[in-house]
Amino acid sequence: MDDQIVGCLGIFQENSRKSNHKTGIWGMYVKQNHQGQGIGKLLVLKAIEHAKSIPGIDLINLGVESTNTSAKALYESCGFRSWGNEPKALRVDGKFYDQEHMVLPIEKP
C-alpha cells in the first residue's frame, strides 16, 4: 500500500517424487496496523490461485499456532480444514507452542 509492504506470505512445492503433488503456505504476516482490512485473506486467496496454476498440485498444507483463533478463522474462510495438532511444534525463547495442521484439497475441473 502506498509503495510499502504491509504483508507477505510464502508458498512452496514439495520436491520429492512422492510428495510433489503438495504445496505449503508459510510465513503469513500482515503488519498490525493493516490487520482486519482483508489483506491477509487476499494474500491467502492469491496463494491458492497460484497453487492451482501449478500442474499436478492436489493439496495445499499449512500450520498455524493452535491458539491463534483469528488466523484459523481466516484459513477456514478460504476453505482450509484442520486435520491434526502437533504438540510442542514450535519453541520460542524456551516456551513451546502447539501447531494445528490444515489442508485445502485442490478441486480439479
PDB file of N, CA and C in Angstrom:
ATOM      1  N   MET A   1       0.856  -1.174   0.000  1.00  0.00           N
ATOM      2  CA  MET A   1       0.000   0.000   0.000  1.00  0.00           C
ATOM      3  C   MET A   1       0.900   1.234   0.000  1.00  0.00           C
ATOM      4  N   ASP A   2       0.595   2.171  -0.870  1.00  0.00           N
ATOM      5  CA  ASP A   2       1.413   3.390  -0.970  1.00  0.00           C
ATOM      6  C   ASP A   2       2.898   3.052  -1.056  1.00  0.00           C
ATOM      7  N   ASP A   3       3.230   2.074  -1.897  1.00  0.00           N
ATOM      8  CA  ASP A   3       4.612   1.623  -2.121  1.00  0.00           C
ATOM      9  C   ASP A   3       5.279   1.025  -0.887  1.00  0.00           C
ATOM     10  N   GLN A   4       4.485   0.584   0.088  1.00  0.00           N
ATOM     11  CA  GLN A   4       5.016  -0.054   1.292  1.00  0.00           C
ATOM     12  C   GLN A   4       4.516  -1.491   1.371  1.00  0.00           C
ATOM     13  N   ILE A   5       5.391  -2.404   1.775  1.00  0.00           N
ATOM     14  CA  ILE A   5       4.974  -3.784   2.002  1.00  0.00           C
ATOM     15  C   ILE A   5       4.234  -3.842   3.328  1.00  0.00           C
ATOM     16  N   VAL A   6       3.001  -4.333   3.296  1.00  0.00           N
ATOM     17  CA  VAL A   6       2.203  -4.417   4.520  1.00  0.00           C
ATOM     18  C   VAL A   6       1.901  -5.862   4.904  1.00  0.00           C
ATOM     19  N   GLY A   7       2.250  -6.800   4.024  1.00  0.00           N
ATOM     20  CA  GLY A   7       2.020  -8.204   4.323  1.00  0.00           C
ATOM     21  C   GLY A   7       2.841  -9.076   3.407  1.00  0.00           C
ATOM     22  N   CYS A   8       2.987 -10.323   3.816  1.00  0.00           N
ATOM     23  CA  CYS A   8       3.720 -11.280   2.986  1.00  0.00           C
ATOM     24  C   CYS A   8       3.228 -12.691   3.290  1.00  0.00           C
ATOM     25  N   LEU A   9       3.568 -13.585   2.385  1.00  0.00           N
ATOM     26  CA  LEU A   9       3.191 -14.991   2.518  1.00  0.00           C
ATOM     27  C   LEU A   9       4.093 -15.761   1.571  1.00  0.00           C
ATOM     28  N   GLY A  10       4.552 -16.922   2.009  1.00  0.00           N
ATOM     29  CA  GLY A  10       5.359 -17.772   1.150  1.00  0.00           C
ATOM     30  C   GLY A  10       4.589 -19.017   0.760  1.00  0.00           C
ATOM     31  N   ILE A  11       4.910 -19.540  -0.426  1.00  0.00           N
ATOM     32  CA  ILE A  11       4.317 -20.791  -0.876  1.00  0.00           C
ATOM     33  C   ILE A  11       5.436 -21.618  -1.498  1.00  0.00           C
ATOM     34  N   PHE A  12       5.433 -22.903  -1.217  1.00  0.00           N
ATOM     35  CA  PHE A  12       6.465 -23.778  -1.761  1.00  0.00           C
ATOM     36  C   PHE A  12       5.832 -25.078  -2.225  1.00  0.00           C
ATOM     37  N   GLN A  13       6.498 -25.731  -3.155  1.00  0.00           N
ATOM     38  CA  GLN A  13       6.064 -27.045  -3.619  1.00  0.00           C
ATOM     39  C   GLN A  13       7.000 -28.086  -3.045  1.00  0.00           C
ATOM     40  N   GLU A  14       6.418 -29.164  -2.515  1.00  0.00           N
ATOM     41  CA  GLU A  14       7.238 -30.290  -2.067  1.00  0.00           C
ATOM     42  C   GLU A  14       8.056 -30.770  -3.261  1.00  0.00           C
ATOM     43  N   ASN A  15       9.303 -31.226  -3.020  1.00  0.00           N
ATOM     44  CA  ASN A  15      10.134 -31.565  -4.171  1.00  0.00           C
ATOM     45  C   ASN A  15      10.448 -33.046  -4.343  1.00  0.00           C
ATOM     46  N   SER A  16      10.002 -33.886  -3.423  1.00  0.00           N
ATOM     47  CA  SER A  16      10.275 -35.305  -3.619  1.00  0.00           C
ATOM     48  C   SER A  16       9.238 -35.907  -4.575  1.00  0.00           C
ATOM     49  N   ARG A  17       9.634 -36.942  -5.260  1.00  0.00           N
ATOM     50  CA  ARG A  17       8.760 -37.580  -6.244  1.00  0.00           C
ATOM     51  C   ARG A  17       7.445 -38.046  -5.627  1.00  0.00           C
ATOM     52  N   LYS A  18       7.483 -38.466  -4.356  1.00  0.00           N
ATOM     53  CA  LYS A  18       6.286 -38.997  -3.702  1.00  0.00           C
ATOM     54  C   LYS A  18       5.387 -37.913  -3.106  1.00  0.00           C
ATOM     55  N   SER A  19       5.892 -36.702  -2.990  1.00  0.00           N
ATOM     56  CA  SER A  19       5.058 -35.661  -2.362  1.00  0.00           C
ATOM     57  C   SER A  19       4.999 -34.366  -3.171  1.00  0.00           C
ATOM     58  N   ASN A  20       5.427 -34.382  -4.429  1.00  0.00           N
ATOM     59  CA  ASN A  20       5.415 -33.138  -5.206  1.00  0.00           C
ATOM     60  C   ASN A  20       4.013 -32.735  -5.692  1.00  0.00           C
ATOM     61  N   HIS A  21       3.000 -33.443  -5.235  1.00  0.00           N
ATOM     62  CA  HIS A  21       1.607 -33.055  -5.511  1.00  0.00           C
ATOM     63  C   HIS A  21       1.086 -32.081  -4.455  1.00  0.00           C
ATOM     64  N   LYS A  22       1.963 -31.703  -3.500  1.00  0.00           N
ATOM     65  CA  LYS A  22       1.556 -30.831  -2.398  1.00  0.00           C
ATOM     66  C   LYS A  22       2.328 -29.516  -2.424  1.00  0.00           C
ATOM     67  N   THR A  23       1.637 -28.460  -2.015  1.00  0.00           N
ATOM     68  CA  THR A  23       2.285 -27.179  -1.762  1.00  0.00           C
ATOM     69  C   THR A  23       2.059 -26.841  -0.291  1.00  0.00           C
ATOM     70  N   GLY A  24       2.816 -25.881   0.179  1.00  0.00           N
ATOM     71  CA  GLY A  24       2.661 -25.428   1.555  1.00  0.00           C
ATOM     72  C   GLY A  24       2.702 -23.913   1.625  1.00  0.00           C
ATOM     73  N   ILE A  25       1.936 -23.371   2.522  1.00  0.00           N
ATOM     74  CA  ILE A  25       1.943 -21.937   2.802  1.00  0.00           C
ATOM     75  C   ILE A  25       2.711 -21.737   4.099  1.00  0.00           C
ATOM     76  N   TRP A  26       3.574 -20.736   4.126  1.00  0.00           N
ATOM     77  CA  TRP A  26       4.361 -20.451   5.332  1.00  0.00           C
ATOM     78  C   TRP A  26       4.610 -18.938   5.423  1.00  0.00           C
ATOM     79  N   GLY A  27       4.948 -18.488   6.591  1.00  0.00           N
ATOM     80  CA  GLY A  27       5.385 -17.110   6.795  1.00  0.00           C
ATOM     81  C   GLY A  27       4.329 -16.052   6.588  1.00  0.00           C
ATOM     82  N   MET A  28       3.073 -16.386   6.820  1.00  0.00           N
ATOM     83  CA  MET A  28       1.985 -15.413   6.649  1.00  0.00           C
ATOM     84  C   MET A  28       2.135 -14.301   7.684  1.00  0.00           C
ATOM     85  N   TYR A  29       2.120 -13.058   7.213  1.00  0.00           N
ATOM     86  CA  TYR A  29       2.256 -11.911   8.116  1.00  0.00           C
ATOM     87  C   TYR A  29       1.609 -10.683   7.495  1.00  0.00           C
ATOM     88  N   VAL A  30       0.846  -9.950   8.313  1.00  0.00           N
ATOM     89  CA  VAL A  30       0.303  -8.649   7.933  1.00  0.00           C
ATOM     90  C   VAL A  30       0.644  -7.687   9.066  1.00  0.00           C
ATOM     91  N   LYS A  31       1.205  -6.527   8.715  1.00  0.00           N
ATOM     92  CA  LYS A  31       1.558  -5.538   9.739  1.00  0.00           C
ATOM     93  C   LYS A  31       0.342  -5.225  10.600  1.00  0.00           C
ATOM     94  N   GLN A  32       0.591  -5.057  11.878  1.00  0.00           N
ATOM     95  CA  GLN A  32      -0.501  -4.900  12.838  1.00  0.00           C
ATOM     96  C   GLN A  32      -1.459  -3.764  12.476  1.00  0.00           C
ATOM     97  N   ASN A  33      -0.941  -2.632  12.028  1.00  0.00           N
ATOM     98  CA  ASN A  33      -1.836  -1.508  11.722  1.00  0.00           C
ATOM     99  C   ASN A  33      -2.593  -1.678  10.407  1.00  0.00           C
ATOM    100  N   HIS A  34      -2.367  -2.814   9.707  1.00  0.00           N
ATOM    101  CA  HIS A  34      -3.111  -3.113   8.480  1.00  0.00           C
ATOM    102  C   HIS A  34      -3.976  -4.365   8.624  1.00  0.00           C
ATOM    103  N   GLN A  35      -3.980  -4.942   9.811  1.00  0.00           N
ATOM    104  CA  GLN A  35      -4.789  -6.139  10.027  1.00  0.00           C
ATOM    105  C   GLN A  35      -6.267  -5.769  10.078  1.00  0.00           C
ATOM    106  N   GLY A  36      -7.121  -6.730   9.726  1.00  0.00           N
ATOM    107  CA  GLY A  36      -8.567  -6.505   9.752  1.00  0.00           C
ATOM    108  C   GLY A  36      -9.091  -5.781   8.532  1.00  0.00           C
ATOM    109  N   GLN A  37      -8.252  -5.634   7.499  1.00  0.00           N
ATOM    110  CA  GLN A  37      -8.659  -4.919   6.284  1.00  0.00           C
ATOM    111  C   GLN A  37      -8.801  -5.857   5.078  1.00  0.00           C
ATOM    112  N   GLY A  38      -8.684  -7.153   5.319  1.00  0.00           N
ATOM    113  CA  GLY A  38      -8.831  -8.110   4.222  1.00  0.00           C
ATOM    114  C   GLY A  38      -7.539  -8.421   3.482  1.00  0.00           C
ATOM    115  N   ILE A  39      -6.432  -7.860   3.921  1.00  0.00           N
ATOM    116  CA  ILE A  39      -5.153  -8.082   3.240  1.00  0.00           C
ATOM    117  C   ILE A  39      -4.711  -9.530   3.397  1.00  0.00           C
ATOM    118  N   GLY A  40      -4.833 -10.083   4.584  1.00  0.00           N
ATOM    119  CA  GLY A  40      -4.455 -11.477   4.819  1.00  0.00           C
ATOM    120  C   GLY A  40      -5.251 -12.422   3.945  1.00  0.00           C
ATOM    121  N   LYS A  41      -6.531 -12.198   3.852  1.00  0.00           N
ATOM    122  CA  LYS A  41      -7.372 -13.067   3.023  1.00  0.00           C
ATOM    123  C   LYS A  41      -6.975 -12.945   1.555  1.00  0.00           C
ATOM    124  N   LEU A  42      -6.701 -11.740   1.109  1.00  0.00           N
ATOM    125  CA  LEU A  42      -6.265 -11.543  -0.269  1.00  0.00           C
ATOM    126  C   LEU A  42      -4.963 -12.303  -0.539  1.00  0.00           C
ATOM    127  N   LEU A  43      -4.021 -12.255   0.398  1.00  0.00           N
ATOM    128  CA  LEU A  43      -2.764 -12.990   0.236  1.00  0.00           C
ATOM    129  C   LEU A  43      -3.016 -14.493   0.135  1.00  0.00           C
ATOM    130  N   VAL A  44      -3.854 -15.019   1.016  1.00  0.00           N
ATOM    131  CA  VAL A  44      -4.141 -16.455   1.005  1.00  0.00           C
ATOM    132  C   VAL A  44      -4.848 -16.850  -0.287  1.00  0.00           C
ATOM    133  N   LEU A  45      -5.815 -16.066  -0.716  1.00  0.00           N
ATOM    134  CA  LEU A  45      -6.536 -16.379  -1.954  1.00  0.00           C
ATOM    135  C   LEU A  45      -5.614 -16.332  -3.173  1.00  0.00           C
ATOM    136  N   LYS A  46      -4.684 -15.381  -3.194  1.00  0.00           N
ATOM    137  CA  LYS A  46      -3.717 -15.317  -4.295  1.00  0.00           C
ATOM    138  C   LYS A  46      -2.788 -16.528  -4.260  1.00  0.00           C
ATOM    139  N   ALA A  47      -2.400 -16.976  -3.070  1.00  0.00           N
ATOM    140  CA  ALA A  47      -1.556 -18.165  -2.947  1.00  0.00           C
ATOM    141  C   ALA A  47      -2.303 -19.402  -3.452  1.00  0.00           C
ATOM    142  N   ILE A  48      -3.584 -19.511  -3.106  1.00  0.00           N
ATOM    143  CA  ILE A  48      -4.405 -20.629  -3.591  1.00  0.00           C
ATOM    144  C   ILE A  48      -4.492 -20.580  -5.116  1.00  0.00           C
ATOM    145  N   GLU A  49      -4.740 -19.408  -5.659  1.00  0.00           N
ATOM    146  CA  GLU A  49      -4.820 -19.242  -7.106  1.00  0.00           C
ATOM    147  C   GLU A  49      -3.503 -19.672  -7.773  1.00  0.00           C
ATOM    148  N   HIS A  50      -2.390 -19.265  -7.189  1.00  0.00           N
ATOM    149  CA  HIS A  50      -1.086 -19.639  -7.738  1.00  0.00           C
ATOM    150  C   HIS A  50      -0.883 -21.151  -7.663  1.00  0.00           C
ATOM    151  N   ALA A  51      -1.202 -21.747  -6.522  1.00  0.00           N
ATOM    152  CA  ALA A  51      -1.039 -23.195  -6.363  1.00  0.00           C
ATOM    153  C   ALA A  51      -1.878 -23.952  -7.394  1.00  0.00           C
ATOM    154  N   LYS A  52      -3.065 -23.478  -7.656  1.00  0.00           N
ATOM    155  CA  LYS A  52      -3.939 -24.129  -8.642  1.00  0.00           C
ATOM    156  C   LYS A  52      -3.352 -24.061 -10.051  1.00  0.00           C
ATOM    157  N   SER A  53      -2.486 -23.080 -10.305  1.00  0.00           N
ATOM    158  CA  SER A  53      -1.891 -22.941 -11.637  1.00  0.00           C
ATOM    159  C   SER A  53      -0.691 -23.867 -11.840  1.00  0.00           C
ATOM    160  N   ILE A  54      -0.228 -24.527 -10.781  1.00  0.00           N
ATOM    161  CA  ILE A  54       0.912 -25.427 -10.878  1.00  0.00           C
ATOM    162  C   ILE A  54       0.405 -26.810 -11.273  1.00  0.00           C
ATOM    163  N   PRO A  55       0.859 -27.332 -12.395  1.00  0.00           N
ATOM    164  CA  PRO A  55       0.394 -28.656 -12.827  1.00  0.00           C
ATOM    165  C   PRO A  55       0.687 -29.732 -11.781  1.00  0.00           C
ATOM    166  N   GLY A  56      -0.308 -30.586 -11.545  1.00  0.00           N
ATOM    167  CA  GLY A  56      -0.124 -31.721 -10.655  1.00  0.00           C
ATOM    168  C   GLY A  56      -0.333 -31.461  -9.173  1.00  0.00           C
ATOM    169  N   ILE A  57      -0.679 -30.232  -8.793  1.00  0.00           N
ATOM    170  CA  ILE A  57      -0.886 -29.925  -7.373  1.00  0.00           C
ATOM    171  C   ILE A  57      -2.288 -30.358  -6.956  1.00  0.00           C
ATOM    172  N   ASP A  58      -2.361 -31.136  -5.854  1.00  0.00           N
ATOM    173  CA  ASP A  58      -3.638 -31.643  -5.352  1.00  0.00           C
ATOM    174  C   ASP A  58      -3.992 -31.126  -3.963  1.00  0.00           C
ATOM    175  N   LEU A  59      -2.995 -30.630  -3.202  1.00  0.00           N
ATOM    176  CA  LEU A  59      -3.227 -30.192  -1.822  1.00  0.00           C
ATOM    177  C   LEU A  59      -2.399 -28.959  -1.498  1.00  0.00           C
ATOM    178  N   ILE A  60      -2.953 -28.128  -0.623  1.00  0.00           N
ATOM    179  CA  ILE A  60      -2.189 -27.039  -0.022  1.00  0.00           C
ATOM    180  C   ILE A  60      -2.228 -27.265   1.487  1.00  0.00           C
ATOM    181  N   ASN A  61      -1.072 -27.316   2.104  1.00  0.00           N
ATOM    182  CA  ASN A  61      -0.957 -27.508   3.553  1.00  0.00           C
ATOM    183  C   ASN A  61      -0.464 -26.236   4.216  1.00  0.00           C
ATOM    184  N   LEU A  62      -0.795 -26.092   5.487  1.00  0.00           N
ATOM    185  CA  LEU A  62      -0.231 -25.019   6.295  1.00  0.00           C
ATOM    186  C   LEU A  62      -0.316 -25.405   7.763  1.00  0.00           C
ATOM    187  N   GLY A  63       0.443 -24.703   8.570  1.00  0.00           N
ATOM    188  CA  GLY A  63       0.382 -24.883  10.017  1.00  0.00           C
ATOM    189  C   GLY A  63       0.144 -23.536  10.669  1.00  0.00           C
ATOM    190  N   VAL A  64      -0.624 -23.546  11.741  1.00  0.00           N
ATOM    191  CA  VAL A  64      -0.931 -22.317  12.458  1.00  0.00           C
ATOM    192  C   VAL A  64      -0.831 -22.591  13.951  1.00  0.00           C
ATOM    193  N   GLU A  65      -0.263 -21.655  14.688  1.00  0.00           N
ATOM    194  CA  GLU A  65      -0.157 -21.803  16.141  1.00  0.00           C
ATOM    195  C   GLU A  65      -1.567 -22.006  16.676  1.00  0.00           C
ATOM    196  N   SER A  66      -1.761 -23.045  17.465  1.00  0.00           N
ATOM    197  CA  SER A  66      -3.112 -23.533  17.763  1.00  0.00           C
ATOM    198  C   SER A  66      -3.989 -22.580  18.565  1.00  0.00           C
ATOM    199  N   THR A  67      -3.434 -21.580  19.221  1.00  0.00           N
ATOM    200  CA  THR A  67      -4.283 -20.623  19.932  1.00  0.00           C
ATOM    201  C   THR A  67      -4.590 -19.371  19.099  1.00  0.00           C
ATOM    202  N   ASN A  68      -4.086 -19.318  17.874  1.00  0.00           N
ATOM    203  CA  ASN A  68      -4.295 -18.157  17.009  1.00  0.00           C
ATOM    204  C   ASN A  68      -5.645 -18.294  16.297  1.00  0.00           C
ATOM    205  N   THR A  69      -6.703 -17.998  17.020  1.00  0.00           N
ATOM    206  CA  THR A  69      -8.062 -18.210  16.509  1.00  0.00           C
ATOM    207  C   THR A  69      -8.381 -17.332  15.302  1.00  0.00           C
ATOM    208  N   SER A  70      -7.848 -16.120  15.243  1.00  0.00           N
ATOM    209  CA  SER A  70      -8.154 -15.258  14.092  1.00  0.00           C
ATOM    210  C   SER A  70      -7.508 -15.803  12.818  1.00  0.00           C
ATOM    211  N   ALA A  71      -6.290 -16.313  12.914  1.00  0.00           N
ATOM    212  CA  ALA A  71      -5.642 -16.898  11.734  1.00  0.00           C
ATOM    213  C   ALA A  71      -6.375 -18.163  11.300  1.00  0.00           C
ATOM    214  N   LYS A  72      -6.761 -19.006  12.263  1.00  0.00           N
ATOM    215  CA  LYS A  72      -7.506 -20.223  11.915  1.00  0.00           C
ATOM    216  C   LYS A  72      -8.820 -19.868  11.223  1.00  0.00           C
ATOM    217  N   ALA A  73      -9.517 -18.854  11.717  1.00  0.00           N
ATOM    218  CA  ALA A  73     -10.772 -18.435  11.102  1.00  0.00           C
ATOM    219  C   ALA A  73     -10.538 -17.926   9.679  1.00  0.00           C
ATOM    220  N   LEU A  74      -9.454 -17.199   9.469  1.00  0.00           N
ATOM    221  CA  LEU A  74      -9.118 -16.723   8.129  1.00  0.00           C
ATOM    222  C   LEU A  74      -8.901 -17.902   7.184  1.00  0.00           C
ATOM    223  N   TYR A  75      -8.082 -18.875   7.601  1.00  0.00           N
ATOM    224  CA  TYR A  75      -7.808 -20.033   6.746  1.00  0.00           C
ATOM    225  C   TYR A  75      -9.076 -20.848   6.486  1.00  0.00           C
ATOM    226  N   GLU A  76      -9.901 -21.007   7.509  1.00  0.00           N
ATOM    227  CA  GLU A  76     -11.159 -21.735   7.322  1.00  0.00           C
ATOM    228  C   GLU A  76     -12.069 -21.004   6.335  1.00  0.00           C
ATOM    229  N   SER A  77     -12.076 -19.675   6.377  1.00  0.00           N
ATOM    230  CA  SER A  77     -12.911 -18.908   5.442  1.00  0.00           C
ATOM    231  C   SER A  77     -12.437 -19.061   3.997  1.00  0.00           C
ATOM    232  N   CYS A  78     -11.187 -19.505   3.820  1.00  0.00           N
ATOM    233  CA  CYS A  78     -10.637 -19.751   2.481  1.00  0.00           C
ATOM    234  C   CYS A  78     -10.754 -21.215   2.085  1.00  0.00           C
ATOM    235  N   GLY A  79     -11.382 -22.042   2.946  1.00  0.00           N
ATOM    236  CA  GLY A  79     -11.637 -23.439   2.617  1.00  0.00           C
ATOM    237  C   GLY A  79     -10.743 -24.459   3.287  1.00  0.00           C
ATOM    238  N   PHE A  80      -9.756 -24.025   4.066  1.00  0.00           N
ATOM    239  CA  PHE A  80      -8.877 -24.964   4.763  1.00  0.00           C
ATOM    240  C   PHE A  80      -9.622 -25.641   5.908  1.00  0.00           C
ATOM    241  N   ARG A  81      -9.246 -26.894   6.179  1.00  0.00           N
ATOM    242  CA  ARG A  81      -9.818 -27.651   7.288  1.00  0.00           C
ATOM    243  C   ARG A  81      -8.700 -28.267   8.114  1.00  0.00           C
ATOM    244  N   SER A  82      -8.893 -28.316   9.416  1.00  0.00           N
ATOM    245  CA  SER A  82      -7.903 -28.897  10.329  1.00  0.00           C
ATOM    246  C   SER A  82      -7.867 -30.404  10.187  1.00  0.00           C
ATOM    247  N   TRP A  83      -6.667 -30.968  10.312  1.00  0.00           N
ATOM    248  CA  TRP A  83      -6.547 -32.423  10.275  1.00  0.00           C
ATOM    249  C   TRP A  83      -5.711 -32.966  11.422  1.00  0.00           C
ATOM    250  N   GLY A  84      -5.124 -32.105  12.228  1.00  0.00           N
ATOM    251  CA  GLY A  84      -4.366 -32.611  13.363  1.00  0.00           C
ATOM    252  C   GLY A  84      -3.653 -31.509  14.122  1.00  0.00           C
ATOM    253  N   ASN A  85      -3.200 -31.863  15.302  1.00  0.00           N
ATOM    254  CA  ASN A  85      -2.493 -30.924  16.173  1.00  0.00           C
ATOM    255  C   ASN A  85      -1.157 -31.532  16.568  1.00  0.00           C
ATOM    256  N   GLU A  86      -0.092 -30.754  16.418  1.00  0.00           N
ATOM    257  CA  GLU A  86       1.243 -31.208  16.777  1.00  0.00           C
ATOM    258  C   GLU A  86       1.682 -30.523  18.076  1.00  0.00           C
ATOM    259  N   PRO A  87       1.744 -31.273  19.162  1.00  0.00           N
ATOM    260  CA  PRO A  87       2.172 -30.674  20.433  1.00  0.00           C
ATOM    261  C   PRO A  87       3.629 -30.227  20.368  1.00  0.00           C
ATOM    262  N   LYS A  88       3.905 -29.102  21.003  1.00  0.00           N
ATOM    263  CA  LYS A  88       5.269 -28.577  21.108  1.00  0.00           C
ATOM    264  C   LYS A  88       5.962 -28.454  19.751  1.00  0.00           C
ATOM    265  N   ALA A  89       5.235 -28.069  18.734  1.00  0.00           N
ATOM    266  CA  ALA A  89       5.796 -27.963  17.386  1.00  0.00           C
ATOM    267  C   ALA A  89       6.749 -26.782  17.246  1.00  0.00           C
ATOM    268  N   LEU A  90       6.515 -25.737  18.021  1.00  0.00           N
ATOM    269  CA  LEU A  90       7.317 -24.522  17.945  1.00  0.00           C
ATOM    270  C   LEU A  90       7.898 -24.209  19.317  1.00  0.00           C
ATOM    271  N   ARG A  91       9.123 -23.690  19.316  1.00  0.00           N
ATOM    272  CA  ARG A  91       9.733 -23.259  20.578  1.00  0.00           C
ATOM    273  C   ARG A  91      10.303 -21.867  20.365  1.00  0.00           C
ATOM    274  N   VAL A  92       9.812 -20.925  21.153  1.00  0.00           N
ATOM    275  CA  VAL A  92      10.265 -19.541  21.085  1.00  0.00           C
ATOM    276  C   VAL A  92      10.695 -19.118  22.479  1.00  0.00           C
ATOM    277  N   ASP A  93      11.956 -18.731  22.597  1.00  0.00           N
ATOM    278  CA  ASP A  93      12.506 -18.298  23.888  1.00  0.00           C
ATOM    279  C   ASP A  93      12.219 -19.302  25.001  1.00  0.00           C
ATOM    280  N   GLY A  94      12.362 -20.571  24.690  1.00  0.00           N
ATOM    281  CA  GLY A  94      12.187 -21.627  25.678  1.00  0.00           C
ATOM    282  C   GLY A  94      10.747 -22.020  25.949  1.00  0.00           C
ATOM    283  N   LYS A  95       9.791 -21.356  25.311  1.00  0.00           N
ATOM    284  CA  LYS A  95       8.373 -21.683  25.507  1.00  0.00           C
ATOM    285  C   LYS A  95       7.870 -22.453  24.296  1.00  0.00           C
ATOM    286  N   PHE A  96       7.109 -23.516  24.552  1.00  0.00           N
ATOM    287  CA  PHE A  96       6.577 -24.357  23.480  1.00  0.00           C
ATOM    288  C   PHE A  96       5.174 -23.931  23.075  1.00  0.00           C
ATOM    289  N   TYR A  97       4.881 -24.131  21.790  1.00  0.00           N
ATOM    290  CA  TYR A  97       3.566 -23.828  21.239  1.00  0.00           C
ATOM    291  C   TYR A  97       3.134 -25.003  20.367  1.00  0.00           C
ATOM    292  N   ASP A  98       1.863 -25.352  20.457  1.00  0.00           N
ATOM    293  CA  ASP A  98       1.310 -26.393  19.596  1.00  0.00           C
ATOM    294  C   ASP A  98       0.987 -25.784  18.227  1.00  0.00           C
ATOM    295  N   GLN A  99       1.005 -26.642  17.206  1.00  0.00           N
ATOM    296  CA  GLN A  99       0.685 -26.194  15.860  1.00  0.00           C
ATOM    297  C   GLN A  99      -0.452 -27.039  15.303  1.00  0.00           C
ATOM    298  N   GLU A 100      -1.457 -26.352  14.800  1.00  0.00           N
ATOM    299  CA  GLU A 100      -2.578 -27.034  14.152  1.00  0.00           C
ATOM    300  C   GLU A 100      -2.277 -27.128  12.658  1.00  0.00           C
ATOM    301  N   HIS A 101      -2.463 -28.315  12.097  1.00  0.00           N
ATOM    302  CA  HIS A 101      -2.215 -28.533  10.681  1.00  0.00           C
ATOM    303  C   HIS A 101      -3.534 -28.429   9.925  1.00  0.00           C
ATOM    304  N   MET A 102      -3.478 -27.742   8.776  1.00  0.00           N
ATOM    305  CA  MET A 102      -4.678 -27.527   7.978  1.00  0.00           C
ATOM    306  C   MET A 102      -4.375 -27.884   6.524  1.00  0.00           C
ATOM    307  N   VAL A 103      -5.414 -28.282   5.798  1.00  0.00           N
ATOM    308  CA  VAL A 103      -5.258 -28.688   4.405  1.00  0.00           C
ATOM    309  C   VAL A 103      -6.407 -28.156   3.564  1.00  0.00           C
ATOM    310  N   LEU A 104      -6.102 -27.878   2.305  1.00  0.00           N
ATOM    311  CA  LEU A 104      -7.114 -27.500   1.322  1.00  0.00           C
ATOM    312  C   LEU A 104      -6.895 -28.368   0.082  1.00  0.00           C
ATOM    313  N   PRO A 105      -7.801 -29.320  -0.158  1.00  0.00           N
ATOM    314  CA  PRO A 105      -7.694 -30.090  -1.405  1.00  0.00           C
ATOM    315  C   PRO A 105      -7.991 -29.192  -2.593  1.00  0.00           C
ATOM    316  N   ILE A 106      -7.255 -29.382  -3.676  1.00  0.00           N
ATOM    317  CA  ILE A 106      -7.465 -28.601  -4.890  1.00  0.00           C
ATOM    318  C   ILE A 106      -8.488 -29.316  -5.761  1.00  0.00           C
ATOM    319  N   GLU A 107      -9.552 -28.625  -6.072  1.00  0.00           N
ATOM    320  CA  GLU A 107     -10.603 -29.187  -6.923  1.00  0.00           C
ATOM    321  C   GLU A 107     -10.108 -29.197  -8.360  1.00  0.00           C
ATOM    322  N   LYS A 108     -10.256 -30.313  -9.031  1.00  0.00           N
ATOM    323  CA  LYS A 108      -9.865 -30.427 -10.443  1.00  0.00           C
ATOM    324  C   LYS A 108     -11.108 -30.327 -11.311  1.00  0.00           C
ATOM    325  N   PRO A 109     -11.010 -29.600 -12.431  1.00  0.00           N
ATOM    326  CA  PRO A 109     -12.189 -29.452 -13.307  1.00  0.00           C
ATOM    327  C   PRO A 109     -12.575 -30.760 -13.971  1.00  0.00           C
TER     328      PRO A 109
END
